[in-house]
């Protein structure tokens, strides 16, 4: 990796960590410069402004990381009931990238930026659609191979499961404890078993 590429990646990674903790709007370019220890000139060499950097964080840091955590696990297990439950358990209880006290970075960006910035909305929507479409496909496959009842509406089921995930993430953030995830996971297991 060339020095300029390494500097750009360092800015994105450090800025992401700072924004994840503090929030996007309350993190200034000066905060990012102080954390990354690059000059203002170096920052502006790589990014025209903070929003361009924010979009790069979504596209270059969040998307690949979240795809590996949110999408790939659904594609690797034959039984969708197990795949969905194991995915949610891992995201809530074991994933080291997602911190309980800071919530889900994609959800944080969505809540903070989508009302004000269409480019952020579009980038985040692409990420969410991929997760949604993968889960719908997983459920449809489960219907075809007999793991899930054939009358199950895959899209409705997906929306219900994903909204529960976004909601429980916020409870975890509020309580700063993974304990609040446990009742959600128990009820999710009951719900998923009802789809058989």
Protein backbone atom coordinates (compact mmCIF):
# COMPACT_ATOMS: atom_id res chain seq x y z
CA UNK A 1 0.00 0.00 0.00
CA UNK A 2 1.37 3.39 -0.97
CA UNK A 3 1.92 6.04 1.68
CA UNK A 4 -0.98 8.22 0.43
CA UNK A 5 -3.35 5.22 0.46
CA UNK A 6 -2.19 4.25 3.96
CA UNK A 7 -2.73 7.83 5.19
CA UNK A 8 -6.23 7.93 3.67
CA UNK A 9 -7.15 4.57 5.23
CA UNK A 10 -5.77 5.70 8.60
CA UNK A 11 -7.92 8.85 8.46
CA UNK A 12 -11.03 6.78 7.66
CA UNK A 13 -10.40 4.18 10.38
CA UNK A 14 -9.60 6.73 13.11
CA UNK A 15 -12.44 9.02 12.05
CA UNK A 16 -14.85 6.08 12.12
CA UNK A 17 -13.78 5.15 15.65
CA UNK A 18 -14.25 8.74 16.80
CA UNK A 19 -17.63 9.14 15.07
CA UNK A 20 -18.86 5.79 16.43
CA UNK A 21 -18.21 7.04 19.97
CA UNK A 22 -19.16 10.73 19.65
CA UNK A 23 -21.59 10.85 16.73
CA UNK A 24 -21.09 12.29 13.26
CA UNK A 25 -22.40 15.80 13.77
CA UNK A 26 -20.52 16.40 17.02
CA UNK A 27 -17.20 15.21 15.56
CA UNK A 28 -15.33 18.05 13.91
CA UNK A 29 -12.61 17.93 11.27
CA UNK A 30 -10.26 19.34 13.95
CA UNK A 31 -11.14 16.35 16.21
CA UNK A 32 -10.36 13.98 13.34
CA UNK A 33 -7.07 15.75 12.55
CA UNK A 34 -6.03 15.63 16.23
CA UNK A 35 -6.85 11.90 16.45
CA UNK A 36 -5.17 10.93 13.19
CA UNK A 37 -2.23 13.30 13.70
CA UNK A 38 -2.29 14.35 10.05
CA UNK A 39 -2.10 17.95 8.92
CA UNK A 40 -5.15 19.87 7.78
CA UNK A 41 -3.57 19.93 4.32
CA UNK A 42 -3.28 16.12 4.32
CA UNK A 43 -6.94 15.78 5.34
CA UNK A 44 -8.08 18.09 2.53
CA UNK A 45 -5.78 16.36 0.07
CA UNK A 46 -7.82 13.17 0.57
CA UNK A 47 -11.30 14.63 1.19
CA UNK A 48 -12.97 17.83 -0.04
CA UNK A 49 -15.01 18.06 3.16
CA UNK A 50 -16.30 16.09 6.12
CA UNK A 51 -19.30 14.68 4.22
CA UNK A 52 -17.08 13.23 1.50
CA UNK A 53 -15.08 11.54 4.25
CA UNK A 54 -18.32 10.34 5.92
CA UNK A 55 -19.47 8.72 2.68
CA UNK A 56 -16.07 7.08 2.29
CA UNK A 57 -16.43 5.66 5.82
CA UNK A 58 -19.81 4.14 4.88
CA UNK A 59 -18.60 2.76 1.55
CA UNK A 60 -15.08 1.66 2.47
CA UNK A 61 -15.22 0.79 6.17
CA UNK A 62 -18.85 0.00 7.09
CA UNK A 63 -20.06 -1.79 3.95
CA UNK A 64 -17.30 -4.44 3.77
CA UNK A 65 -17.26 -4.98 7.54
CA UNK A 66 -21.03 -5.20 7.88
CA UNK A 67 -21.36 -7.39 4.78
CA UNK A 68 -19.03 -9.92 6.42
CA UNK A 69 -20.97 -9.71 9.70
CA UNK A 70 -24.59 -9.29 8.52
CA UNK A 71 -24.87 -10.86 5.05
CA UNK A 72 -22.29 -13.63 4.61
CA UNK A 73 -23.42 -15.68 7.67
CA UNK A 74 -26.92 -15.97 6.16
CA UNK A 75 -25.46 -17.45 3.00
CA UNK A 76 -23.38 -20.11 4.74
CA UNK A 77 -25.95 -22.22 6.60
CA UNK A 78 -28.57 -24.53 5.10
CA UNK A 79 -31.22 -24.11 7.81
CA UNK A 80 -32.43 -20.47 7.75
CA UNK A 81 -33.95 -20.67 11.24
CA UNK A 82 -30.53 -21.51 12.66
CA UNK A 83 -28.80 -19.04 10.33
CA UNK A 84 -30.98 -16.09 11.39
CA UNK A 85 -30.83 -16.89 15.10
CA UNK A 86 -27.07 -17.50 15.06
CA UNK A 87 -26.56 -14.28 13.11
CA UNK A 88 -28.51 -12.21 15.64
CA UNK A 89 -26.86 -13.93 18.59
CA UNK A 90 -23.42 -13.22 17.13
CA UNK A 91 -24.24 -9.59 16.26
CA UNK A 92 -25.59 -8.87 19.73
CA UNK A 93 -23.48 -11.02 22.03
CA UNK A 94 -20.16 -11.81 20.35
CA UNK A 95 -19.32 -9.34 17.57
CA UNK A 96 -16.34 -7.25 18.68
CA UNK A 97 -16.82 -4.55 16.04
CA UNK A 98 -20.30 -3.64 17.36
CA UNK A 99 -20.14 -2.13 20.84
CA UNK A 100 -23.22 -2.28 23.07
CA UNK A 101 -22.65 1.23 24.46
CA UNK A 102 -22.49 2.83 21.00
CA UNK A 103 -25.17 0.81 19.19
CA UNK A 104 -25.02 -0.11 15.52
CA UNK A 105 -22.88 2.29 13.46
CA UNK A 106 -25.14 1.94 10.39
CA UNK A 107 -28.21 2.71 12.51
CA UNK A 108 -26.43 5.67 14.12
CA UNK A 109 -25.54 7.14 10.72
CA UNK A 110 -29.11 6.49 9.54
CA UNK A 111 -30.71 8.27 12.49
CA UNK A 112 -28.25 11.14 12.47
CA UNK A 113 -27.71 11.87 8.79
CA UNK A 114 -30.44 10.56 6.49
CA UNK A 115 -32.90 13.39 7.21
CA UNK A 116 -30.29 15.93 6.04
CA UNK A 117 -28.15 14.27 3.39
CA UNK A 118 -29.47 12.30 0.40
CA UNK A 119 -26.03 10.87 -0.42
CA UNK A 120 -25.81 9.34 3.06
CA UNK A 121 -29.39 8.04 2.67
CA UNK A 122 -28.55 6.36 -0.63
CA UNK A 123 -25.32 4.78 0.66
CA UNK A 124 -26.99 3.47 3.82
CA UNK A 125 -30.05 2.31 1.87
CA UNK A 126 -27.81 0.18 -0.37
CA UNK A 127 -26.30 -1.46 2.71
CA UNK A 128 -29.70 -2.11 4.32
CA UNK A 129 -31.22 -3.41 1.08
CA UNK A 130 -28.44 -5.97 0.70
CA UNK A 131 -29.09 -7.30 4.21
CA UNK A 132 -32.88 -7.28 3.66
CA UNK A 133 -32.69 -9.00 0.27
CA UNK A 134 -30.29 -11.64 1.59
CA UNK A 135 -32.57 -12.46 4.52
CA UNK A 136 -35.63 -12.62 2.24
CA UNK A 137 -33.73 -14.98 -0.08
CA UNK A 138 -32.64 -17.09 2.91
CA UNK A 139 -36.25 -17.42 4.09
CA UNK A 140 -37.49 -18.23 0.56
CA UNK A 141 -34.83 -20.92 0.29
CA UNK A 142 -35.98 -22.26 3.67
CA UNK A 143 -39.53 -22.46 2.34
CA UNK A 144 -38.33 -24.39 -0.72
CA UNK A 145 -36.28 -26.91 1.23
CA UNK A 146 -38.88 -27.48 3.97
CA UNK A 147 -37.28 -25.66 6.91
CA UNK A 148 -39.91 -22.89 6.92
CA UNK A 149 -43.67 -23.17 6.39
CA UNK A 150 -44.56 -22.47 2.75
CA UNK A 151 -47.19 -19.83 3.67
CA UNK A 152 -44.63 -17.63 5.43
CA UNK A 153 -44.34 -14.14 3.91
CA UNK A 154 -40.56 -13.76 3.59
CA UNK A 155 -40.59 -9.96 3.24
CA UNK A 156 -42.87 -9.37 6.25
CA UNK A 157 -40.86 -11.82 8.33
CA UNK A 158 -37.61 -10.09 7.38
CA UNK A 159 -38.95 -6.62 8.19
CA UNK A 160 -40.20 -7.86 11.58
CA UNK A 161 -36.85 -9.46 12.47
CA UNK A 162 -34.75 -6.52 11.30
CA UNK A 163 -36.89 -3.92 13.08
CA UNK A 164 -36.51 -5.95 16.27
CA UNK A 165 -32.74 -5.90 15.79
CA UNK A 166 -32.59 -2.11 15.26
CA UNK A 167 -34.82 -1.58 18.30
CA UNK A 168 -32.94 -3.86 20.68
CA UNK A 169 -29.67 -2.25 19.63
CA UNK A 170 -31.05 1.06 20.90
CA UNK A 171 -32.15 -0.53 24.18
CA UNK A 172 -28.64 -1.92 24.60
CA UNK A 173 -27.17 1.51 23.95
CA UNK A 174 -29.55 3.08 26.46
CA UNK A 175 -28.89 0.51 29.18
CA UNK A 176 -25.19 0.04 28.26
CA UNK A 177 -25.66 -3.66 28.88
CA UNK A 178 -25.96 -6.82 26.82
CA UNK A 179 -28.42 -8.17 29.39
CA UNK A 180 -31.27 -6.46 27.53
CA UNK A 181 -30.45 -8.55 24.46
CA UNK A 182 -31.22 -11.85 26.20
CA UNK A 183 -35.06 -11.54 26.32
CA UNK A 184 -35.03 -10.41 22.67
CA UNK A 185 -32.98 -13.44 21.64
CA UNK A 186 -35.25 -15.81 23.58
CA UNK A 187 -38.36 -14.38 21.95
CA UNK A 188 -36.66 -14.35 18.54
CA UNK A 189 -35.98 -18.08 18.94
CA UNK A 190 -39.67 -18.67 19.80
CA UNK A 191 -40.75 -16.64 16.78
CA UNK A 192 -38.37 -18.40 14.39
CA UNK A 193 -39.51 -21.81 15.67
CA UNK A 194 -43.11 -20.80 14.94
CA UNK A 195 -42.16 -20.47 11.24
CA UNK A 196 -41.43 -24.21 10.91
